[in-house]
Amino acid sequence: MSTKIKSGKAPHLPKTYRELCGLLMPRKIRDDAELEAAQEIMDVLAVLPARTPDQTDYLETLADLVEAYEEQSVKLSKRSGLETLKFLLTENNLTASDLSRLLGTDISLGYRILDGERNLTTKHIKKLALHFHVGPEVFL
């Protein structure tokens, strides 16, 4: 379902939480497209002259989800590519063996990458970015 809200005139937004969830289900934001969709709805809700209690709850929920996504993005951007990979593996309870399977290679490659003996290739970075729902730049 598209979350695009047409600019120019004030859109009619649902008044109940359940109906608002039909626009965009509030859940963990995984990429910039989901972030943009949440922010677009938040922008409209924030300037409504009178919000219903459900609209306020929904706005606050989206704000919490956006904040969590942005905090994670900042944490990732402050790390080296290898530190980011280790962080993501730990956060997802994955091992070096799991990394090897993710990359579609022999079992030892994951260990060698994590030990700094081997670097990630462009192909590896693309696979990891897709798997973890992050931009490939976090691994550089």
Protein backbone atom coordinates (compact mmCIF):
# COMPACT_ATOMS: atom_id res chain seq x y z
CA MET A 1 0.00 0.00 0.00
CA SER A 2 1.37 3.39 -0.91
CA THR A 3 1.99 5.83 1.90
CA LYS A 4 2.40 8.83 -0.37
CA ILE A 5 0.41 11.79 0.86
CA LYS A 6 -0.25 14.41 -1.75
CA SER A 7 1.18 17.82 -0.94
CA GLY A 8 -0.64 21.06 -1.50
CA LYS A 9 -3.80 20.63 0.50
CA ALA A 10 -4.46 19.07 3.86
CA PRO A 11 -5.09 15.35 3.37
CA HIS A 12 -7.86 13.52 5.10
CA LEU A 13 -6.17 11.27 7.63
CA PRO A 14 -7.90 8.46 9.47
CA LYS A 15 -8.90 9.30 13.01
CA THR A 16 -8.46 5.89 14.65
CA TYR A 17 -5.23 4.07 15.36
CA ARG A 18 -6.41 0.99 13.49
CA GLU A 19 -7.18 3.02 10.35
CA LEU A 20 -3.83 4.85 10.60
CA CYS A 21 -2.11 1.47 10.66
CA GLY A 22 -3.70 0.89 7.26
CA LEU A 23 -1.54 3.75 5.92
CA LEU A 24 1.68 2.44 7.42
CA MET A 25 1.98 -0.40 9.89
CA PRO A 26 4.13 0.82 12.79
CA ARG A 27 7.10 -1.53 13.00
CA LYS A 28 10.89 -1.41 13.04
CA ILE A 29 12.19 0.81 10.25
CA ARG A 30 14.71 -1.07 8.13
CA ASP A 31 15.71 1.31 5.33
CA ASP A 32 15.53 4.89 4.08
CA ALA A 33 12.35 4.27 2.06
CA GLU A 34 10.49 3.16 5.19
CA LEU A 35 11.98 6.12 7.05
CA GLU A 36 10.72 8.53 4.40
CA ALA A 37 7.21 7.03 4.49
CA ALA A 38 7.05 7.36 8.28
CA GLN A 39 8.35 10.93 8.21
CA GLU A 40 5.84 11.93 5.55
CA ILE A 41 2.91 10.79 7.70
CA MET A 42 4.47 12.34 10.80
CA ASP A 43 4.82 15.69 9.04
CA VAL A 44 1.11 15.76 8.25
CA LEU A 45 0.03 14.58 11.70
CA ALA A 46 2.30 17.07 13.44
CA VAL A 47 0.60 20.09 11.87
CA LEU A 48 -3.00 19.00 12.25
CA PRO A 49 -4.87 21.71 14.15
CA ALA A 50 -6.63 19.15 16.33
CA ARG A 51 -5.47 15.54 16.61
CA THR A 52 -7.52 12.72 18.05
CA PRO A 53 -5.91 10.78 20.92
CA ASP A 54 -5.34 7.89 18.48
CA GLN A 55 -3.61 10.19 16.00
CA THR A 56 -1.37 11.49 18.79
CA ASP A 57 -0.52 7.94 19.90
CA TYR A 58 0.25 6.94 16.33
CA LEU A 59 2.44 10.01 15.80
CA GLU A 60 4.38 9.26 18.99
CA THR A 61 4.83 5.62 17.97
CA LEU A 62 6.21 6.62 14.58
CA ALA A 63 8.50 9.16 16.25
CA ASP A 64 9.90 6.43 18.51
CA LEU A 65 10.51 4.15 15.52
CA VAL A 66 12.21 6.93 13.54
CA GLU A 67 14.41 7.79 16.52
CA ALA A 68 15.46 4.15 16.95
CA TYR A 69 16.35 3.87 13.25
CA GLU A 70 18.36 7.09 13.32
CA GLU A 71 20.22 6.03 16.48
CA GLN A 72 21.18 2.74 14.85
CA SER A 73 22.31 4.59 11.71
CA VAL A 74 24.54 6.86 13.80
CA LYS A 75 25.99 3.87 15.67
CA LEU A 76 26.79 2.15 12.39
CA SER A 77 28.29 5.23 10.76
CA LYS A 78 30.79 5.69 13.61
CA ARG A 79 32.28 2.22 13.14
CA SER A 80 34.74 0.82 10.66
CA GLY A 81 33.35 -1.61 8.09
CA LEU A 82 34.69 -4.60 10.05
CA GLU A 83 33.35 -3.25 13.36
CA THR A 84 29.97 -2.72 11.73
CA LEU A 85 29.93 -6.27 10.44
CA LYS A 86 30.83 -7.65 13.88
CA PHE A 87 28.16 -5.47 15.49
CA LEU A 88 25.48 -6.65 13.05
CA LEU A 89 26.46 -10.28 13.50
CA THR A 90 26.30 -9.95 17.29
CA GLU A 91 22.96 -8.10 17.18
CA ASN A 92 21.51 -10.88 15.03
CA ASN A 93 23.09 -13.76 16.98
CA LEU A 94 25.14 -14.86 13.98
CA THR A 95 28.55 -16.55 14.01
CA ALA A 96 31.51 -16.58 11.66
CA SER A 97 30.12 -19.81 10.20
CA ASP A 98 26.79 -18.04 9.60
CA LEU A 99 28.70 -15.26 7.86
CA SER A 100 30.34 -17.79 5.55
CA ARG A 101 26.95 -19.28 4.69
CA LEU A 102 25.52 -15.79 4.11
CA LEU A 103 28.31 -15.03 1.69
CA GLY A 104 27.93 -18.40 0.00
CA THR A 105 31.54 -19.38 0.54
CA ASP A 106 33.62 -21.98 2.34
CA ILE A 107 33.30 -22.07 6.11
CA SER A 108 36.71 -20.54 6.82
CA LEU A 109 36.12 -17.28 4.95
CA GLY A 110 33.85 -15.88 7.66
CA TYR A 111 36.53 -16.45 10.28
CA ARG A 112 39.26 -14.93 8.09
CA ILE A 113 37.15 -11.83 7.42
CA LEU A 114 36.38 -11.35 11.11
CA ASP A 115 40.06 -11.85 12.01
CA GLY A 116 41.02 -9.17 9.48
CA GLU A 117 42.93 -11.63 7.28
CA ARG A 118 40.57 -11.13 4.31
CA ASN A 119 38.66 -8.10 3.11
CA LEU A 120 35.05 -8.00 1.97
CA THR A 121 34.60 -7.93 -1.78
CA THR A 122 32.01 -5.82 -3.57
CA LYS A 123 29.90 -8.94 -4.00
CA HIS A 124 30.11 -9.67 -0.26
CA ILE A 125 29.15 -6.10 0.64
CA LYS A 126 26.09 -6.23 -1.62
CA LYS A 127 24.92 -9.50 -0.04
CA LEU A 128 25.44 -8.19 3.49
CA ALA A 129 23.69 -4.88 2.78
CA LEU A 130 20.65 -6.74 1.46
CA HIS A 131 20.61 -9.21 4.32
CA PHE A 132 20.95 -6.61 7.10
CA HIS A 133 18.84 -3.92 5.38
CA VAL A 134 21.58 -1.30 5.52
CA GLY A 135 23.39 0.76 2.94
CA PRO A 136 26.54 -0.83 1.51
CA GLU A 137 28.60 2.18 2.63
CA VAL A 138 28.50 0.98 6.27
CA PHE A 139 30.89 -1.83 5.32
CA LEU A 140 33.49 0.43 3.67
